[in-house]
PDB file of all heavy atoms in Angstrom:
ATOM      1  N   GLU A   1     -19.162  61.311 128.042  1.00  0.00           N
ATOM      2  CA  GLU A   1     -17.845  61.409 127.409  1.00  0.00           C
ATOM      3  C   GLU A   1     -17.777  60.410 126.257  1.00  0.00           C
ATOM      4  O   GLU A   1     -17.804  59.197 126.475  1.00  0.00           O
ATOM      5  CB  GLU A   1     -16.724  61.113 128.407  1.00  0.00           C
ATOM      6  CG  GLU A   1     -16.606  62.100 129.548  1.00  0.00           C
ATOM      7  CD  GLU A   1     -15.956  63.419 129.118  1.00  0.00           C
ATOM      8  OE1 GLU A   1     -15.715  63.604 127.917  1.00  0.00           O
ATOM      9  OE2 GLU A   1     -15.707  64.258 130.005  1.00  0.00           O
ATOM     10  N   LYS A   2     -17.733  60.917 125.037  1.00  0.00           N
ATOM     11  CA  LYS A   2     -17.583  60.039 123.867  1.00  0.00           C
ATOM     12  C   LYS A   2     -16.114  60.004 123.482  1.00  0.00           C
ATOM     13  O   LYS A   2     -15.537  61.030 123.118  1.00  0.00           O
ATOM     14  CB  LYS A   2     -18.429  60.535 122.699  1.00  0.00           C
ATOM     15  CG  LYS A   2     -18.404  59.597 121.503  1.00  0.00           C
ATOM     16  CD  LYS A   2     -19.308  60.101 120.387  1.00  0.00           C
ATOM     17  CE  LYS A   2     -19.437  59.082 119.271  1.00  0.00           C
ATOM     18  NZ  LYS A   2     -18.151  58.738 118.646  1.00  0.00           N
ATOM     19  N   LEU A   3     -15.517  58.851 123.594  1.00  0.00           N
ATOM     20  CA  LEU A   3     -14.096  58.697 123.312  1.00  0.00           C
ATOM     21  C   LEU A   3     -13.917  57.943 122.005  1.00  0.00           C
ATOM     22  O   LEU A   3     -14.383  56.806 121.851  1.00  0.00           O
ATOM     23  CB  LEU A   3     -13.400  57.953 124.452  1.00  0.00           C
ATOM     24  CG  LEU A   3     -13.427  58.677 125.806  1.00  0.00           C
ATOM     25  CD1 LEU A   3     -12.725  57.842 126.861  1.00  0.00           C
ATOM     26  CD2 LEU A   3     -12.773  60.048 125.702  1.00  0.00           C
ATOM     27  N   GLU A   4     -13.260  58.585 121.061  1.00  0.00           N
ATOM     28  CA  GLU A   4     -13.037  57.983 119.747  1.00  0.00           C
ATOM     29  C   GLU A   4     -11.818  57.068 119.785  1.00  0.00           C
ATOM     30  O   GLU A   4     -10.945  57.192 120.638  1.00  0.00           O
ATOM     31  CB  GLU A   4     -12.810  59.080 118.701  1.00  0.00           C
ATOM     32  CG  GLU A   4     -13.943  60.092 118.590  1.00  0.00           C
ATOM     33  CD  GLU A   4     -15.149  59.537 117.878  1.00  0.00           C
ATOM     34  OE1 GLU A   4     -15.087  58.389 117.401  1.00  0.00           O
ATOM     35  OE2 GLU A   4     -16.166  60.252 117.808  1.00  0.00           O
ATOM     36  N   GLY A   5     -11.773  56.159 118.826  1.00  0.00           N
ATOM     37  CA  GLY A   5     -10.573  55.358 118.638  1.00  0.00           C
ATOM     38  C   GLY A   5     -10.560  54.033 119.360  1.00  0.00           C
ATOM     39  O   GLY A   5      -9.613  53.264 119.208  1.00  0.00           O
ATOM     40  N   TRP A   6     -11.615  53.736 120.145  1.00  0.00           N
ATOM     41  CA  TRP A   6     -11.628  52.481 120.891  1.00  0.00           C
ATOM     42  C   TRP A   6     -12.342  51.377 120.132  1.00  0.00           C
ATOM     43  O   TRP A   6     -12.410  50.237 120.603  1.00  0.00           O
ATOM     44  CB  TRP A   6     -12.274  52.702 122.260  1.00  0.00           C
ATOM     45  CG  TRP A   6     -11.400  53.556 123.109  1.00  0.00           C
ATOM     46  CD1 TRP A   6     -11.465  54.914 123.255  1.00  0.00           C
ATOM     47  CD2 TRP A   6     -10.276  53.134 123.877  1.00  0.00           C
ATOM     48  NE1 TRP A   6     -10.459  55.354 124.073  1.00  0.00           N
ATOM     49  CE2 TRP A   6      -9.707  54.281 124.478  1.00  0.00           C
ATOM     50  CE3 TRP A   6      -9.686  51.903 124.119  1.00  0.00           C
ATOM     51  CZ2 TRP A   6      -8.584  54.223 125.292  1.00  0.00           C
ATOM     52  CZ3 TRP A   6      -8.573  51.832 124.937  1.00  0.00           C
ATOM     53  CH2 TRP A   6      -8.043  52.985 125.513  1.00  0.00           C
ATOM     54  N   SER A   7     -12.851  51.691 118.979  1.00  0.00           N
ATOM     55  CA  SER A   7     -13.493  50.661 118.175  1.00  0.00           C
ATOM     56  C   SER A   7     -12.473  49.622 117.734  1.00  0.00           C
ATOM     57  O   SER A   7     -11.298  49.922 117.528  1.00  0.00           O
ATOM     58  CB  SER A   7     -14.148  51.287 116.942  1.00  0.00           C
ATOM     59  OG  SER A   7     -14.648  50.276 116.096  1.00  0.00           O
ATOM     60  N   ALA A   8     -12.946  48.390 117.581  1.00  0.00           N
ATOM     61  CA  ALA A   8     -12.100  47.319 117.052  1.00  0.00           C
ATOM     62  C   ALA A   8     -12.108  47.305 115.523  1.00  0.00           C
ATOM     63  O   ALA A   8     -11.574  46.388 114.912  1.00  0.00           O
ATOM     64  CB  ALA A   8     -12.572  45.968 117.589  1.00  0.00           C
ATOM     65  N   HIS A   9     -12.717  48.332 114.906  1.00  0.00           N
ATOM     66  CA  HIS A   9     -12.771  48.436 113.442  1.00  0.00           C
ATOM     67  C   HIS A   9     -11.700  49.401 112.929  1.00  0.00           C
ATOM     68  O   HIS A   9     -11.452  50.449 113.530  1.00  0.00           O
ATOM     69  CB  HIS A   9     -14.130  48.968 112.984  1.00  0.00           C
ATOM     70  CG  HIS A   9     -15.270  48.039 113.242  1.00  0.00           C
ATOM     71  ND1 HIS A   9     -15.762  47.189 112.287  1.00  0.00           N
ATOM     72  CD2 HIS A   9     -16.017  47.824 114.351  1.00  0.00           C
ATOM     73  CE1 HIS A   9     -16.772  46.508 112.786  1.00  0.00           C
ATOM     74  NE2 HIS A   9     -16.949  46.873 114.053  1.00  0.00           N
ATOM     75  N   ALA A  10     -11.123  49.069 111.789  1.00  0.00           N
ATOM     76  CA  ALA A  10     -10.192  49.976 111.117  1.00  0.00           C
ATOM     77  C   ALA A  10     -10.919  51.239 110.680  1.00  0.00           C
ATOM     78  O   ALA A  10     -12.119  51.217 110.375  1.00  0.00           O
ATOM     79  CB  ALA A  10      -9.583  49.281 109.897  1.00  0.00           C
ATOM     80  N   ASP A  11     -10.187  52.364 110.640  1.00  0.00           N
ATOM     81  CA  ASP A  11     -10.785  53.608 110.169  1.00  0.00           C
ATOM     82  C   ASP A  11     -10.571  53.759 108.667  1.00  0.00           C
ATOM     83  O   ASP A  11     -10.051  52.856 107.991  1.00  0.00           O
ATOM     84  CB  ASP A  11     -10.254  54.811 110.956  1.00  0.00           C
ATOM     85  CG  ASP A  11      -8.778  55.108 110.701  1.00  0.00           C
ATOM     86  OD1 ASP A  11      -8.156  54.475 109.807  1.00  0.00           O
ATOM     87  OD2 ASP A  11      -8.224  55.982 111.396  1.00  0.00           O
ATOM     88  N   ARG A  12     -10.969  54.913 108.118  1.00  0.00           N
ATOM     89  CA  ARG A  12     -10.990  55.060 106.657  1.00  0.00           C
ATOM     90  C   ARG A  12      -9.599  54.927 106.043  1.00  0.00           C
ATOM     91  O   ARG A  12      -9.443  54.338 104.967  1.00  0.00           O
ATOM     92  CB  ARG A  12     -11.627  56.386 106.273  1.00  0.00           C
ATOM     93  CG  ARG A  12     -10.777  57.600 106.502  1.00  0.00           C
ATOM     94  CD  ARG A  12     -11.476  58.879 106.122  1.00  0.00           C
ATOM     95  NE  ARG A  12     -10.516  59.970 106.068  1.00  0.00           N
ATOM     96  CZ  ARG A  12     -10.844  61.248 106.139  1.00  0.00           C
ATOM     97  NH1 ARG A  12     -12.112  61.586 106.266  1.00  0.00           N
ATOM     98  NH2 ARG A  12      -9.924  62.185 106.055  1.00  0.00           N
ATOM     99  N   ASP A  13      -8.561  55.455 106.687  1.00  0.00           N
ATOM    100  CA  ASP A  13      -7.212  55.363 106.128  1.00  0.00           C
ATOM    101  C   ASP A  13      -6.674  53.945 106.209  1.00  0.00           C
ATOM    102  O   ASP A  13      -6.000  53.465 105.285  1.00  0.00           O
ATOM    103  CB  ASP A  13      -6.270  56.328 106.852  1.00  0.00           C
ATOM    104  CG  ASP A  13      -6.500  57.781 106.453  1.00  0.00           C
ATOM    105  OD1 ASP A  13      -7.339  58.023 105.548  1.00  0.00           O
ATOM    106  OD2 ASP A  13      -5.857  58.671 107.037  1.00  0.00           O
ATOM    107  N   GLU A  14      -6.972  53.272 107.322  1.00  0.00           N
ATOM    108  CA  GLU A  14      -6.515  51.885 107.474  1.00  0.00           C
ATOM    109  C   GLU A  14      -7.243  50.977 106.493  1.00  0.00           C
ATOM    110  O   GLU A  14      -6.654  50.041 105.932  1.00  0.00           O
ATOM    111  CB  GLU A  14      -6.731  51.419 108.919  1.00  0.00           C
ATOM    112  CG  GLU A  14      -5.964  50.170 109.304  1.00  0.00           C
ATOM    113  CD  GLU A  14      -4.464  50.390 109.435  1.00  0.00           C
ATOM    114  OE1 GLU A  14      -4.018  51.563 109.425  1.00  0.00           O
ATOM    115  OE2 GLU A  14      -3.731  49.390 109.523  1.00  0.00           O
ATOM    116  N   LEU A  15      -8.518  51.245 106.245  1.00  0.00           N
ATOM    117  CA  LEU A  15      -9.270  50.472 105.256  1.00  0.00           C
ATOM    118  C   LEU A  15      -8.691  50.666 103.866  1.00  0.00           C
ATOM    119  O   LEU A  15      -8.606  49.716 103.069  1.00  0.00           O
ATOM    120  CB  LEU A  15     -10.742  50.878 105.282  1.00  0.00           C
ATOM    121  CG  LEU A  15     -11.538  50.452 106.520  1.00  0.00           C
ATOM    122  CD1 LEU A  15     -12.903  51.126 106.537  1.00  0.00           C
ATOM    123  CD2 LEU A  15     -11.693  48.938 106.585  1.00  0.00           C
ATOM    124  N   LEU A  16      -8.279  51.887 103.565  1.00  0.00           N
ATOM    125  CA  LEU A  16      -7.662  52.141 102.259  1.00  0.00           C
ATOM    126  C   LEU A  16      -6.336  51.384 102.139  1.00  0.00           C
ATOM    127  O   LEU A  16      -6.016  50.832 101.077  1.00  0.00           O
ATOM    128  CB  LEU A  16      -7.440  53.640 102.068  1.00  0.00           C
ATOM    129  CG  LEU A  16      -7.062  54.080 100.646  1.00  0.00           C
ATOM    130  CD1 LEU A  16      -8.205  53.823  99.669  1.00  0.00           C
ATOM    131  CD2 LEU A  16      -6.670  55.558 100.614  1.00  0.00           C
ATOM    132  N   LYS A  17      -5.566  51.333 103.236  1.00  0.00           N
ATOM    133  CA  LYS A  17      -4.321  50.551 103.234  1.00  0.00           C
ATOM    134  C   LYS A  17      -4.607  49.074 103.000  1.00  0.00           C
ATOM    135  O   LYS A  17      -3.873  48.393 102.280  1.00  0.00           O
ATOM    136  CB  LYS A  17      -3.586  50.729 104.566  1.00  0.00           C
ATOM    137  CG  LYS A  17      -2.949  52.080 104.773  1.00  0.00           C
ATOM    138  CD  LYS A  17      -2.265  52.132 106.138  1.00  0.00           C
ATOM    139  CE  LYS A  17      -1.742  53.527 106.450  1.00  0.00           C
ATOM    140  NZ  LYS A  17      -1.155  53.590 107.824  1.00  0.00           N
ATOM    141  N   PHE A  18      -5.655  48.581 103.624  1.00  0.00           N
ATOM    142  CA  PHE A  18      -6.028  47.181 103.433  1.00  0.00           C
ATOM    143  C   PHE A  18      -6.359  46.910 101.969  1.00  0.00           C
ATOM    144  O   PHE A  18      -5.911  45.927 101.378  1.00  0.00           O
ATOM    145  CB  PHE A  18      -7.225  46.830 104.322  1.00  0.00           C
ATOM    146  CG  PHE A  18      -7.544  45.360 104.356  1.00  0.00           C
ATOM    147  CD1 PHE A  18      -7.079  44.564 105.380  1.00  0.00           C
ATOM    148  CD2 PHE A  18      -8.327  44.787 103.358  1.00  0.00           C
ATOM    149  CE1 PHE A  18      -7.367  43.203 105.408  1.00  0.00           C
ATOM    150  CE2 PHE A  18      -8.619  43.431 103.374  1.00  0.00           C
ATOM    151  CZ  PHE A  18      -8.140  42.632 104.406  1.00  0.00           C
ATOM    152  N   ALA A  19      -7.145  47.811 101.377  1.00  0.00           N
ATOM    153  CA  ALA A  19      -7.500  47.656  99.962  1.00  0.00           C
ATOM    154  C   ALA A  19      -6.266  47.716  99.072  1.00  0.00           C
ATOM    155  O   ALA A  19      -6.117  46.928  98.128  1.00  0.00           O
ATOM    156  CB  ALA A  19      -8.499  48.744  99.565  1.00  0.00           C
ATOM    157  N   GLU A  20      -5.358  48.641  99.375  1.00  0.00           N
ATOM    158  CA  GLU A  20      -4.129  48.765  98.590  1.00  0.00           C
ATOM    159  C   GLU A  20      -3.286  47.499  98.694  1.00  0.00           C
ATOM    160  O   GLU A  20      -2.716  47.033  97.698  1.00  0.00           O
ATOM    161  CB  GLU A  20      -3.334  49.971  99.069  1.00  0.00           C
ATOM    162  CG  GLU A  20      -2.097  50.255  98.234  1.00  0.00           C
ATOM    163  CD  GLU A  20      -1.393  51.531  98.671  1.00  0.00           C
ATOM    164  OE1 GLU A  20      -1.553  51.932  99.843  1.00  0.00           O
ATOM    165  OE2 GLU A  20      -0.695  52.126  97.834  1.00  0.00           O
ATOM    166  N   ALA A  21      -3.206  46.932  99.904  1.00  0.00           N
ATOM    167  CA  ALA A  21      -2.421  45.709 100.095  1.00  0.00           C
ATOM    168  C   ALA A  21      -2.996  44.546  99.292  1.00  0.00           C
ATOM    169  O   ALA A  21      -2.265  43.651  98.852  1.00  0.00           O
ATOM    170  CB  ALA A  21      -2.365  45.347 101.575  1.00  0.00           C
ATOM    171  N   ALA A  22      -4.310  44.547  99.087  1.00  0.00           N
ATOM    172  CA  ALA A  22      -4.940  43.482  98.312  1.00  0.00           C
ATOM    173  C   ALA A  22      -4.586  43.562  96.832  1.00  0.00           C
ATOM    174  O   ALA A  22      -4.741  42.586  96.090  1.00  0.00           O
ATOM    175  CB  ALA A  22      -6.452  43.535  98.482  1.00  0.00           C
ATOM    176  N   LEU A  23      -4.099  44.725  96.389  1.00  0.00           N
ATOM    177  CA  LEU A  23      -3.718  44.898  94.980  1.00  0.00           C
ATOM    178  C   LEU A  23      -2.306  44.431  94.683  1.00  0.00           C
ATOM    179  O   LEU A  23      -1.928  44.263  93.526  1.00  0.00           O
ATOM    180  CB  LEU A  23      -3.839  46.377  94.595  1.00  0.00           C
ATOM    181  CG  LEU A  23      -5.252  46.940  94.528  1.00  0.00           C
ATOM    182  CD1 LEU A  23      -5.214  48.449  94.435  1.00  0.00           C
ATOM    183  CD2 LEU A  23      -6.007  46.343  93.347  1.00  0.00           C
ATOM    184  N   SER A  24      -1.510  44.243  95.726  1.00  0.00           N
ATOM    185  CA  SER A  24      -0.091  43.932  95.529  1.00  0.00           C
ATOM    186  C   SER A  24       0.179  42.450  95.713  1.00  0.00           C
ATOM    187  O   SER A  24       1.024  42.044  96.507  1.00  0.00           O
ATOM    188  CB  SER A  24       0.758  44.732  96.521  1.00  0.00           C
ATOM    189  OG  SER A  24       0.342  44.481  97.854  1.00  0.00           O
ATOM    190  N   GLY A  25      -0.583  41.631  95.000  1.00  0.00           N
ATOM    191  CA  GLY A  25      -0.450  40.192  95.144  1.00  0.00           C
ATOM    192  C   GLY A  25       0.738  39.630  94.392  1.00  0.00           C
ATOM    193  O   GLY A  25       1.362  40.301  93.567  1.00  0.00           O
ATOM    194  N   PRO A  26       1.081  38.345  94.656  1.00  0.00           N
ATOM    195  CA  PRO A  26       2.177  37.684  93.955  1.00  0.00           C
ATOM    196  C   PRO A  26       1.827  37.444  92.488  1.00  0.00           C
ATOM    197  O   PRO A  26       0.650  37.449  92.118  1.00  0.00           O
ATOM    198  CB  PRO A  26       2.322  36.358  94.716  1.00  0.00           C
ATOM    199  CG  PRO A  26       0.958  36.104  95.283  1.00  0.00           C
ATOM    200  CD  PRO A  26       0.402  37.465  95.614  1.00  0.00           C
ATOM    201  N   PRO A  27       2.820  37.232  91.630  1.00  0.00           N
ATOM    202  CA  PRO A  27       2.554  37.031  90.194  1.00  0.00           C
ATOM    203  C   PRO A  27       1.592  35.894  89.914  1.00  0.00           C
ATOM    204  O   PRO A  27       0.809  35.948  88.980  1.00  0.00           O
ATOM    205  CB  PRO A  27       3.949  36.731  89.620  1.00  0.00           C
ATOM    206  CG  PRO A  27       4.905  37.351  90.591  1.00  0.00           C
ATOM    207  CD  PRO A  27       4.262  37.235  91.935  1.00  0.00           C
ATOM    208  N   ASP A  28       1.627  34.835  90.764  1.00  0.00           N
ATOM    209  CA  ASP A  28       0.751  33.686  90.529  1.00  0.00           C
ATOM    210  C   ASP A  28      -0.542  33.785  91.332  1.00  0.00           C
ATOM    211  O   ASP A  28      -1.334  32.858  91.379  1.00  0.00           O
ATOM    212  CB  ASP A  28       1.470  32.380  90.874  1.00  0.00           C
ATOM    213  CG  ASP A  28       1.956  32.354  92.322  1.00  0.00           C
ATOM    214  OD1 ASP A  28       1.983  33.426  92.955  1.00  0.00           O
ATOM    215  OD2 ASP A  28       2.304  31.261  92.810  1.00  0.00           O
ATOM    216  N   GLY A  29      -0.748  34.903  91.996  1.00  0.00           N
ATOM    217  CA  GLY A  29      -1.954  35.084  92.809  1.00  0.00           C
ATOM    218  C   GLY A  29      -3.088  35.647  91.988  1.00  0.00           C
ATOM    219  O   GLY A  29      -3.038  35.743  90.770  1.00  0.00           O
ATOM    220  N   GLY A  30      -4.137  36.039  92.701  1.00  0.00           N
ATOM    221  CA  GLY A  30      -5.287  36.600  92.014  1.00  0.00           C
ATOM    222  C   GLY A  30      -4.999  37.991  91.501  1.00  0.00           C
ATOM    223  O   GLY A  30      -4.107  38.684  91.976  1.00  0.00           O
ATOM    224  N   CYS A  31      -5.729  38.403  90.492  1.00  0.00           N
ATOM    225  CA  CYS A  31      -5.628  39.762  89.978  1.00  0.00           C
ATOM    226  C   CYS A  31      -6.920  40.477  90.363  1.00  0.00           C
ATOM    227  O   CYS A  31      -7.973  40.218  89.767  1.00  0.00           O
ATOM    228  CB  CYS A  31      -5.456  39.734  88.460  1.00  0.00           C
ATOM    229  SG  CYS A  31      -5.388  41.369  87.704  1.00  0.00           S
ATOM    230  N   LEU A  32      -6.841  41.332  91.357  1.00  0.00           N
ATOM    231  CA  LEU A  32      -8.038  41.941  91.921  1.00  0.00           C
ATOM    232  C   LEU A  32      -8.733  42.821  90.888  1.00  0.00           C
ATOM    233  O   LEU A  32      -8.149  43.775  90.380  1.00  0.00           O
ATOM    234  CB  LEU A  32      -7.660  42.755  93.155  1.00  0.00           C
ATOM    235  CG  LEU A  32      -8.824  43.280  93.995  1.00  0.00           C
ATOM    236  CD1 LEU A  32      -9.656  42.133  94.560  1.00  0.00           C
ATOM    237  CD2 LEU A  32      -8.304  44.148  95.128  1.00  0.00           C
ATOM    238  N   LYS A  33      -9.984  42.518  90.621  1.00  0.00           N
ATOM    239  CA  LYS A  33     -10.742  43.239  89.607  1.00  0.00           C
ATOM    240  C   LYS A  33     -11.781  44.178  90.193  1.00  0.00           C
ATOM    241  O   LYS A  33     -12.217  45.110  89.539  1.00  0.00           O
ATOM    242  CB  LYS A  33     -11.423  42.242  88.673  1.00  0.00           C
ATOM    243  CG  LYS A  33     -10.427  41.350  87.945  1.00  0.00           C
ATOM    244  CD  LYS A  33     -11.086  40.121  87.359  1.00  0.00           C
ATOM    245  CE  LYS A  33     -10.027  39.154  86.880  1.00  0.00           C
ATOM    246  NZ  LYS A  33      -9.231  38.591  87.994  1.00  0.00           N
ATOM    247  N   ALA A  34     -12.210  43.901  91.423  1.00  0.00           N
ATOM    248  CA  ALA A  34     -13.230  44.758  92.037  1.00  0.00           C
ATOM    249  C   ALA A  34     -13.205  44.600  93.545  1.00  0.00           C
ATOM    250  O   ALA A  34     -12.899  43.521  94.060  1.00  0.00           O
ATOM    251  CB  ALA A  34     -14.621  44.422  91.506  1.00  0.00           C
ATOM    252  N   ILE A  35     -13.531  45.685  94.218  1.00  0.00           N
ATOM    253  CA  ILE A  35     -13.688  45.678  95.669  1.00  0.00           C
ATOM    254  C   ILE A  35     -15.112  46.102  95.984  1.00  0.00           C
ATOM    255  O   ILE A  35     -15.583  47.147  95.512  1.00  0.00           O
ATOM    256  CB  ILE A  35     -12.685  46.626  96.354  1.00  0.00           C
ATOM    257  CG1 ILE A  35     -11.249  46.125  96.139  1.00  0.00           C
ATOM    258  CG2 ILE A  35     -12.992  46.748  97.854  1.00  0.00           C
ATOM    259  CD1 ILE A  35     -10.184  47.055  96.702  1.00  0.00           C
ATOM    260  N   PHE A  36     -15.808  45.282  96.753  1.00  0.00           N
ATOM    261  CA  PHE A  36     -17.151  45.600  97.220  1.00  0.00           C
ATOM    262  C   PHE A  36     -17.059  46.181  98.628  1.00  0.00           C
ATOM    263  O   PHE A  36     -16.443  45.570  99.511  1.00  0.00           O
ATOM    264  CB  PHE A  36     -18.020  44.343  97.261  1.00  0.00           C
ATOM    265  CG  PHE A  36     -18.275  43.724  95.910  1.00  0.00           C
ATOM    266  CD1 PHE A  36     -17.400  42.773  95.393  1.00  0.00           C
ATOM    267  CD2 PHE A  36     -19.386  44.075  95.163  1.00  0.00           C
ATOM    268  CE1 PHE A  36     -17.630  42.185  94.164  1.00  0.00           C
ATOM    269  CE2 PHE A  36     -19.632  43.496  93.927  1.00  0.00           C
ATOM    270  CZ  PHE A  36     -18.742  42.556  93.421  1.00  0.00           C
ATOM    271  N   THR A  37     -17.635  47.342  98.839  1.00  0.00           N
ATOM    272  CA  THR A  37     -17.662  47.923 100.177  1.00  0.00           C
ATOM    273  C   THR A  37     -19.007  47.588 100.821  1.00  0.00           C
ATOM    274  O   THR A  37     -20.051  48.011 100.343  1.00  0.00           O
ATOM    275  CB  THR A  37     -17.441  49.444 100.137  1.00  0.00           C
ATOM    276  OG1 THR A  37     -18.430  50.052  99.305  1.00  0.00           O
ATOM    277  CG2 THR A  37     -16.060  49.772  99.600  1.00  0.00           C
ATOM    278  N   ALA A  38     -18.953  46.805 101.897  1.00  0.00           N
ATOM    279  CA  ALA A  38     -20.159  46.312 102.555  1.00  0.00           C
ATOM    280  C   ALA A  38     -20.010  46.496 104.066  1.00  0.00           C
ATOM    281  O   ALA A  38     -19.089  47.166 104.541  1.00  0.00           O
ATOM    282  CB  ALA A  38     -20.390  44.845 102.193  1.00  0.00           C
ATOM    283  N   ILE A  39     -20.930  45.915 104.824  1.00  0.00           N
ATOM    284  CA  ILE A  39     -20.901  45.955 106.294  1.00  0.00           C
ATOM    285  C   ILE A  39     -20.632  47.383 106.778  1.00  0.00           C
ATOM    286  O   ILE A  39     -19.650  47.669 107.453  1.00  0.00           O
ATOM    287  CB  ILE A  39     -19.872  44.963 106.875  1.00  0.00           C
ATOM    288  CG1 ILE A  39     -20.034  43.580 106.233  1.00  0.00           C
ATOM    289  CG2 ILE A  39     -20.042  44.847 108.389  1.00  0.00           C
ATOM    290  CD1 ILE A  39     -19.017  42.547 106.706  1.00  0.00           C
TER     291      ILE A  39
END
């Protein structure tokens, strides 16, 4: 029985949300120029 969803890793949609959240920084914060997809 292979049961999906029990991984402690975010899935593709949650990863995209994480990336999107990194773009909405404060005015004095960093300005995200690139995202490296690794691991």
